[in-house]
Amino acid sequence: MQLWFRLILYFLTFPFREKLADMFSKSVLQLRVLPSDIDLNIHLTNSRYLAIMDLGRVDHMSRTKLGKVVLENKWAPLTNHATVRFRRELPFWEPFKLESEFVYWTEEVAVMEQRFIFTRGPKKGIVAATGLVRVSMYDRARGATVPTSTVFKATGTPVRHLKLQPHIEAFLKEEQAIQAYERKSAGIAPVDSLEIPAAGNDQSKADHRKHG
């Protein structure tokens, strides 16, 4: 975590922040581009987007029961793939909000979409950048990934089936393609298929594969 000032400020104000209903709720952080965030172009530097996205996921986890569950079970939240699409620059001192929410899941992983959005002026409501992050929960004691449905149950989150949108599918296939390339470069057999499992999550897609 590179944003120590923001992190300290966040935890000072955390007791006054409203709790989120469950893991499918959307987290929203109101932020501003600070002097420590800018580069020679006097706007939010590229590396800061990923760091601020970290803070968004901390907020989401802390305001749901997930934070407590992670501590109790000594689980480790892991991120193994992330991408950011830069659409508009965020200039120095520009206020913006960061929205973070889960948009897809399987038993092995979940995908969180995080959007940087202008909050004032003629660009109010316009998305400045969109990030996608592939996350999972790791049980250090068992040395294994925690099934997503187990995480839902532990946090009291009712299971919700999310449709696999085209850009999410492309994101997941991108990660698999990189993994296949790395395995091939290392002399290991590459991944045979880039099909994204429905895992009971996207029922329409599962039915199509069953009957198609």
C-alpha atoms as a PDB file:
ATOM      1  CA  MET A   1       0.000   0.000   0.000  1.00  0.00           C
ATOM      2  CA  GLN A   2       1.651   3.216  -1.241  1.00  0.00           C
ATOM      3  CA  LEU A   3      -0.999   5.609   0.048  1.00  0.00           C
ATOM      4  CA  TRP A   4      -0.141   5.841   3.739  1.00  0.00           C
ATOM      5  CA  PHE A   5      -1.675   9.305   4.196  1.00  0.00           C
ATOM      6  CA  ARG A   6      -4.945   8.251   2.575  1.00  0.00           C
ATOM      7  CA  LEU A   7      -4.938   4.945   4.477  1.00  0.00           C
ATOM      8  CA  ILE A   8      -4.456   6.641   7.861  1.00  0.00           C
ATOM      9  CA  LEU A   9      -7.160   9.194   7.039  1.00  0.00           C
ATOM     10  CA  TYR A  10      -9.448   6.398   5.900  1.00  0.00           C
ATOM     11  CA  PHE A  11      -9.206   4.468   9.164  1.00  0.00           C
ATOM     12  CA  LEU A  12      -9.713   7.660  11.182  1.00  0.00           C
ATOM     13  CA  THR A  13     -13.009   8.247   9.383  1.00  0.00           C
ATOM     14  CA  PHE A  14     -13.957   4.558   9.072  1.00  0.00           C
ATOM     15  CA  PRO A  15     -16.196   4.477  12.200  1.00  0.00           C
ATOM     16  CA  PHE A  16     -18.452   7.069  10.548  1.00  0.00           C
ATOM     17  CA  ARG A  17     -18.796   5.204   7.245  1.00  0.00           C
ATOM     18  CA  GLU A  18     -21.983   3.268   6.569  1.00  0.00           C
ATOM     19  CA  LYS A  19     -21.692  -0.516   6.509  1.00  0.00           C
ATOM     20  CA  LEU A  20     -22.379  -2.327   3.233  1.00  0.00           C
ATOM     21  CA  ALA A  21     -25.188  -4.876   3.143  1.00  0.00           C
ATOM     22  CA  ASP A  22     -23.146  -7.715   1.629  1.00  0.00           C
ATOM     23  CA  MET A  23     -20.318  -8.483  -0.776  1.00  0.00           C
ATOM     24  CA  PHE A  24     -22.397  -7.533  -3.817  1.00  0.00           C
ATOM     25  CA  SER A  25     -22.846  -3.985  -2.538  1.00  0.00           C
ATOM     26  CA  LYS A  26     -20.990  -1.136  -4.225  1.00  0.00           C
ATOM     27  CA  SER A  27     -18.275   0.731  -2.331  1.00  0.00           C
ATOM     28  CA  VAL A  28     -17.870   4.458  -3.110  1.00  0.00           C
ATOM     29  CA  LEU A  29     -14.897   6.577  -2.009  1.00  0.00           C
ATOM     30  CA  GLN A  30     -14.802  10.352  -2.490  1.00  0.00           C
ATOM     31  CA  LEU A  31     -11.219  11.386  -3.310  1.00  0.00           C
ATOM     32  CA  ARG A  32      -9.106  14.184  -4.803  1.00  0.00           C
ATOM     33  CA  VAL A  33      -5.887  14.247  -6.848  1.00  0.00           C
ATOM     34  CA  LEU A  34      -3.176  15.280  -4.377  1.00  0.00           C
ATOM     35  CA  PRO A  35       0.343  16.684  -5.000  1.00  0.00           C
ATOM     36  CA  SER A  36       1.829  13.249  -4.241  1.00  0.00           C
ATOM     37  CA  ASP A  37      -0.331  11.694  -6.992  1.00  0.00           C
ATOM     38  CA  ILE A  38       0.818  13.696 -10.008  1.00  0.00           C
ATOM     39  CA  ASP A  39       3.528  13.256 -12.623  1.00  0.00           C
ATOM     40  CA  LEU A  40       5.200  15.666 -15.075  1.00  0.00           C
ATOM     41  CA  ASN A  41       1.892  16.048 -16.909  1.00  0.00           C
ATOM     42  CA  ILE A  42       0.339  17.424 -13.690  1.00  0.00           C
ATOM     43  CA  HIS A  43      -2.307  14.717 -13.584  1.00  0.00           C
ATOM     44  CA  LEU A  44      -2.900  11.465 -11.710  1.00  0.00           C
ATOM     45  CA  THR A  45       0.044   9.275 -12.639  1.00  0.00           C
ATOM     46  CA  ASN A  46      -0.579   5.817 -14.068  1.00  0.00           C
ATOM     47  CA  SER A  47       0.809   3.857 -11.133  1.00  0.00           C
ATOM     48  CA  ARG A  48      -1.461   5.699  -8.696  1.00  0.00           C
ATOM     49  CA  TYR A  49      -4.584   4.222 -10.278  1.00  0.00           C
ATOM     50  CA  LEU A  50      -3.671   0.703  -9.142  1.00  0.00           C
ATOM     51  CA  ALA A  51      -2.671   1.954  -5.687  1.00  0.00           C
ATOM     52  CA  ILE A  52      -5.970   3.821  -5.255  1.00  0.00           C
ATOM     53  CA  MET A  53      -7.818   0.720  -6.452  1.00  0.00           C
ATOM     54  CA  ASP A  54      -6.131  -1.120  -3.557  1.00  0.00           C
ATOM     55  CA  LEU A  55      -7.718   1.404  -1.191  1.00  0.00           C
ATOM     56  CA  GLY A  56     -11.102   0.841  -2.841  1.00  0.00           C
ATOM     57  CA  ARG A  57     -10.869  -2.891  -2.185  1.00  0.00           C
ATOM     58  CA  VAL A  58      -9.815  -2.242   1.422  1.00  0.00           C
ATOM     59  CA  ASP A  59     -12.913  -0.053   1.817  1.00  0.00           C
ATOM     60  CA  HIS A  60     -15.176  -2.696   0.296  1.00  0.00           C
ATOM     61  CA  MET A  61     -13.729  -5.451   2.490  1.00  0.00           C
ATOM     62  CA  SER A  62     -13.779  -3.348   5.674  1.00  0.00           C
ATOM     63  CA  ARG A  63     -17.394  -2.240   5.288  1.00  0.00           C
ATOM     64  CA  THR A  64     -18.710  -5.763   4.724  1.00  0.00           C
ATOM     65  CA  LYS A  65     -18.305  -8.747   7.046  1.00  0.00           C
ATOM     66  CA  LEU A  66     -15.464  -9.952   4.833  1.00  0.00           C
ATOM     67  CA  GLY A  67     -12.812  -8.048   6.786  1.00  0.00           C
ATOM     68  CA  LYS A  68     -13.822  -9.725  10.064  1.00  0.00           C
ATOM     69  CA  VAL A  69     -14.058 -13.150   8.415  1.00  0.00           C
ATOM     70  CA  VAL A  70     -10.599 -12.775   6.854  1.00  0.00           C
ATOM     71  CA  LEU A  71      -9.053 -11.979  10.243  1.00  0.00           C
ATOM     72  CA  GLU A  72     -10.890 -14.781  12.049  1.00  0.00           C
ATOM     73  CA  ASN A  73      -9.912 -17.429   9.492  1.00  0.00           C
ATOM     74  CA  LYS A  74      -6.450 -15.997   8.751  1.00  0.00           C
ATOM     75  CA  TRP A  75      -7.271 -15.892   5.049  1.00  0.00           C
ATOM     76  CA  ALA A  76      -5.167 -13.883   2.618  1.00  0.00           C
ATOM     77  CA  PRO A  77      -6.883 -11.788  -0.107  1.00  0.00           C
ATOM     78  CA  LEU A  78      -4.922 -12.255  -3.336  1.00  0.00           C
ATOM     79  CA  THR A  79      -4.848 -10.308  -6.590  1.00  0.00           C
ATOM     80  CA  ASN A  80      -3.288 -12.064  -9.565  1.00  0.00           C
ATOM     81  CA  HIS A  81      -4.402 -10.029 -12.558  1.00  0.00           C
ATOM     82  CA  ALA A  82      -5.396  -6.397 -13.060  1.00  0.00           C
ATOM     83  CA  THR A  83      -5.907  -4.067 -15.972  1.00  0.00           C
ATOM     84  CA  VAL A  84      -6.809  -0.373 -16.281  1.00  0.00           C
ATOM     85  CA  ARG A  85      -8.340   1.475 -19.242  1.00  0.00           C
ATOM     86  CA  PHE A  86      -7.466   5.174 -19.142  1.00  0.00           C
ATOM     87  CA  ARG A  87     -10.152   7.303 -20.776  1.00  0.00           C
ATOM     88  CA  ARG A  88      -9.815  10.864 -19.394  1.00  0.00           C
ATOM     89  CA  GLU A  89      -7.043  12.467 -17.371  1.00  0.00           C
ATOM     90  CA  LEU A  90      -7.631  13.437 -13.760  1.00  0.00           C
ATOM     91  CA  PRO A  91      -5.780  16.758 -13.290  1.00  0.00           C
ATOM     92  CA  PHE A  92      -4.237  18.059 -10.084  1.00  0.00           C
ATOM     93  CA  TRP A  93      -6.746  18.789  -7.298  1.00  0.00           C
ATOM     94  CA  GLU A  94      -9.622  17.262  -9.287  1.00  0.00           C
ATOM     95  CA  PRO A  95     -12.242  15.627  -7.048  1.00  0.00           C
ATOM     96  CA  PHE A  96     -13.434  12.203  -8.140  1.00  0.00           C
ATOM     97  CA  LYS A  97     -15.089   9.105  -6.762  1.00  0.00           C
ATOM     98  CA  LEU A  98     -13.983   5.495  -6.945  1.00  0.00           C
ATOM     99  CA  GLU A  99     -16.714   2.881  -7.283  1.00  0.00           C
ATOM    100  CA  SER A 100     -15.830  -0.738  -6.515  1.00  0.00           C
ATOM    101  CA  GLU A 101     -18.120  -3.735  -6.956  1.00  0.00           C
ATOM    102  CA  PHE A 102     -18.007  -7.417  -7.867  1.00  0.00           C
ATOM    103  CA  VAL A 103     -19.243  -8.080 -11.397  1.00  0.00           C
ATOM    104  CA  TYR A 104     -18.558 -11.809 -11.836  1.00  0.00           C
ATOM    105  CA  TRP A 105     -17.449 -14.858  -9.870  1.00  0.00           C
ATOM    106  CA  THR A 106     -16.696 -18.554 -10.117  1.00  0.00           C
ATOM    107  CA  GLU A 107     -15.790 -20.906  -7.287  1.00  0.00           C
ATOM    108  CA  GLU A 108     -12.103 -20.134  -7.883  1.00  0.00           C
ATOM    109  CA  VAL A 109     -12.029 -16.378  -8.482  1.00  0.00           C
ATOM    110  CA  ALA A 110     -14.058 -13.183  -8.478  1.00  0.00           C
ATOM    111  CA  VAL A 111     -13.773 -10.090 -10.653  1.00  0.00           C
ATOM    112  CA  MET A 112     -14.125  -6.589  -9.210  1.00  0.00           C
ATOM    113  CA  GLU A 113     -14.764  -3.597 -11.457  1.00  0.00           C
ATOM    114  CA  GLN A 114     -13.464  -0.254 -10.184  1.00  0.00           C
ATOM    115  CA  ARG A 115     -14.361   3.030 -11.884  1.00  0.00           C
ATOM    116  CA  PHE A 116     -12.861   6.508 -11.455  1.00  0.00           C
ATOM    117  CA  ILE A 117     -15.630   9.054 -12.047  1.00  0.00           C
ATOM    118  CA  PHE A 118     -15.611  12.869 -12.217  1.00  0.00           C
ATOM    119  CA  THR A 119     -17.830  14.447  -9.548  1.00  0.00           C
ATOM    120  CA  ARG A 120     -18.055  18.105 -10.599  1.00  0.00           C
ATOM    121  CA  GLY A 121     -17.995  20.478 -13.570  1.00  0.00           C
ATOM    122  CA  PRO A 122     -18.877  19.693 -17.184  1.00  0.00           C
ATOM    123  CA  LYS A 123     -17.361  16.183 -16.868  1.00  0.00           C
ATOM    124  CA  LYS A 124     -19.475  15.244 -13.842  1.00  0.00           C
ATOM    125  CA  GLY A 125     -20.550  11.597 -14.139  1.00  0.00           C
ATOM    126  CA  ILE A 126     -18.010  10.796 -16.878  1.00  0.00           C
ATOM    127  CA  VAL A 127     -15.774   7.782 -16.291  1.00  0.00           C
ATOM    128  CA  ALA A 128     -12.088   8.749 -16.268  1.00  0.00           C
ATOM    129  CA  ALA A 129     -10.772   5.188 -16.005  1.00  0.00           C
ATOM    130  CA  THR A 130     -12.015   1.648 -15.470  1.00  0.00           C
ATOM    131  CA  GLY A 131     -10.075  -1.094 -13.733  1.00  0.00           C
ATOM    132  CA  LEU A 132     -10.745  -4.827 -13.590  1.00  0.00           C
ATOM    133  CA  VAL A 133      -9.161  -6.992 -10.910  1.00  0.00           C
ATOM    134  CA  ARG A 134      -9.158 -10.786 -10.578  1.00  0.00           C
ATOM    135  CA  VAL A 135      -9.155 -11.699  -6.898  1.00  0.00           C
ATOM    136  CA  SER A 136      -9.371 -14.804  -4.738  1.00  0.00           C
ATOM    137  CA  MET A 137      -9.129 -15.787  -1.087  1.00  0.00           C
ATOM    138  CA  TYR A 138      -6.299 -18.043   0.087  1.00  0.00           C
ATOM    139  CA  ASP A 139      -6.364 -20.205   3.220  1.00  0.00           C
ATOM    140  CA  ARG A 140      -2.757 -20.311   4.423  1.00  0.00           C
ATOM    141  CA  ALA A 141      -3.436 -23.087   6.945  1.00  0.00           C
ATOM    142  CA  ARG A 142      -4.860 -25.414   4.280  1.00  0.00           C
ATOM    143  CA  GLY A 143      -2.618 -24.165   1.505  1.00  0.00           C
ATOM    144  CA  ALA A 144      -5.607 -23.853  -0.811  1.00  0.00           C
ATOM    145  CA  THR A 145      -7.938 -21.327  -2.407  1.00  0.00           C
ATOM    146  CA  VAL A 146     -11.178 -20.750  -0.512  1.00  0.00           C
ATOM    147  CA  PRO A 147     -14.234 -21.465  -2.730  1.00  0.00           C
ATOM    148  CA  THR A 148     -16.151 -18.256  -3.423  1.00  0.00           C
ATOM    149  CA  SER A 149     -19.412 -19.820  -2.221  1.00  0.00           C
ATOM    150  CA  THR A 150     -17.693 -20.519   1.130  1.00  0.00           C
ATOM    151  CA  VAL A 151     -16.728 -16.835   1.370  1.00  0.00           C
ATOM    152  CA  PHE A 152     -20.323 -15.824   0.607  1.00  0.00           C
ATOM    153  CA  LYS A 153     -21.657 -18.153   3.304  1.00  0.00           C
ATOM    154  CA  ALA A 154     -19.142 -16.934   5.886  1.00  0.00           C
ATOM    155  CA  THR A 155     -20.093 -13.287   5.252  1.00  0.00           C
ATOM    156  CA  GLY A 156     -23.843 -13.896   5.137  1.00  0.00           C
ATOM    157  CA  THR A 157     -24.017 -12.903   1.471  1.00  0.00           C
ATOM    158  CA  PRO A 158     -26.936 -14.423  -0.481  1.00  0.00           C
ATOM    159  CA  VAL A 159     -25.642 -16.012  -3.680  1.00  0.00           C
ATOM    160  CA  ARG A 160     -26.391 -13.839  -6.694  1.00  0.00           C
ATOM    161  CA  HIS A 161     -25.940 -15.056 -10.254  1.00  0.00           C
ATOM    162  CA  LEU A 162     -24.102 -12.481 -12.373  1.00  0.00           C
ATOM    163  CA  LYS A 163     -24.105 -12.532 -16.165  1.00  0.00           C
ATOM    164  CA  LEU A 164     -20.689 -12.867 -17.781  1.00  0.00           C
ATOM    165  CA  GLN A 165     -20.378  -9.633 -19.757  1.00  0.00           C
ATOM    166  CA  PRO A 166     -18.185  -9.622 -22.913  1.00  0.00           C
ATOM    167  CA  HIS A 167     -15.502  -7.340 -21.453  1.00  0.00           C
ATOM    168  CA  ILE A 168     -15.246  -9.502 -18.314  1.00  0.00           C
ATOM    169  CA  GLU A 169     -14.922 -12.653 -20.398  1.00  0.00           C
ATOM    170  CA  ALA A 170     -12.189 -10.999 -22.490  1.00  0.00           C
ATOM    171  CA  PHE A 171     -10.396  -9.961 -19.287  1.00  0.00           C
ATOM    172  CA  LEU A 172     -10.449 -13.497 -17.893  1.00  0.00           C
ATOM    173  CA  LYS A 173      -9.317 -14.963 -21.205  1.00  0.00           C
ATOM    174  CA  GLU A 174      -6.482 -12.437 -21.323  1.00  0.00           C
ATOM    175  CA  GLU A 175      -5.214 -13.752 -17.981  1.00  0.00           C
ATOM    176  CA  GLN A 176      -5.462 -17.338 -19.216  1.00  0.00           C
ATOM    177  CA  ALA A 177      -3.645 -16.457 -22.450  1.00  0.00           C
ATOM    178  CA  ILE A 178      -0.789 -14.851 -20.499  1.00  0.00           C
ATOM    179  CA  GLN A 179      -0.633 -17.904 -18.254  1.00  0.00           C
ATOM    180  CA  ALA A 180      -0.493 -20.187 -21.307  1.00  0.00           C
ATOM    181  CA  TYR A 181       2.321 -18.111 -22.811  1.00  0.00           C
ATOM    182  CA  GLU A 182       4.285 -18.208 -19.559  1.00  0.00           C
ATOM    183  CA  ARG A 183       3.878 -21.979 -19.317  1.00  0.00           C
ATOM    184  CA  LYS A 184       4.959 -22.435 -22.920  1.00  0.00           C
ATOM    185  CA  SER A 185       7.995 -20.183 -22.402  1.00  0.00           C
ATOM    186  CA  ALA A 186       8.958 -22.262 -19.371  1.00  0.00           C
ATOM    187  CA  GLY A 187       8.648 -25.486 -21.345  1.00  0.00           C
ATOM    188  CA  ILE A 188       5.441 -26.533 -19.584  1.00  0.00           C
ATOM    189  CA  ALA A 189       2.383 -27.697 -21.493  1.00  0.00           C
ATOM    190  CA  PRO A 190       0.137 -24.671 -22.142  1.00  0.00           C
ATOM    191  CA  VAL A 191      -3.454 -24.350 -21.015  1.00  0.00           C
ATOM    192  CA  ASP A 192      -5.612 -26.310 -23.459  1.00  0.00           C
ATOM    193  CA  SER A 193      -8.758 -24.207 -23.303  1.00  0.00           C
ATOM    194  CA  LEU A 194      -9.595 -20.544 -22.750  1.00  0.00           C
ATOM    195  CA  GLU A 195     -13.224 -21.274 -21.921  1.00  0.00           C
ATOM    196  CA  ILE A 196     -14.433 -19.424 -18.828  1.00  0.00           C
ATOM    197  CA  PRO A 197     -16.322 -21.745 -16.425  1.00  0.00           C
ATOM    198  CA  ALA A 198     -19.823 -20.719 -15.423  1.00  0.00           C
ATOM    199  CA  ALA A 199     -19.526 -22.557 -12.085  1.00  0.00           C
ATOM    200  CA  GLY A 200     -23.239 -22.124 -11.432  1.00  0.00           C
ATOM    201  CA  ASN A 201     -22.747 -18.376 -11.595  1.00  0.00           C
ATOM    202  CA  ASP A 202     -23.903 -17.530 -15.112  1.00  0.00           C
ATOM    203  CA  GLN A 203     -26.745 -20.006 -15.556  1.00  0.00           C
ATOM    204  CA  SER A 204     -27.640 -18.863 -19.078  1.00  0.00           C
ATOM    205  CA  LYS A 205     -24.115 -19.628 -20.267  1.00  0.00           C
ATOM    206  CA  ALA A 206     -24.129 -23.016 -18.530  1.00  0.00           C
ATOM    207  CA  ASP A 207     -27.455 -23.931 -20.141  1.00  0.00           C
ATOM    208  CA  HIS A 208     -26.139 -22.901 -23.566  1.00  0.00           C
ATOM    209  CA  ARG A 209     -23.123 -25.200 -23.260  1.00  0.00           C
ATOM    210  CA  LYS A 210     -25.370 -28.024 -22.036  1.00  0.00           C
ATOM    211  CA  HIS A 211     -27.902 -27.844 -24.857  1.00  0.00           C
ATOM    212  CA  GLY A 212     -25.951 -26.116 -27.623  1.00  0.00           C
END
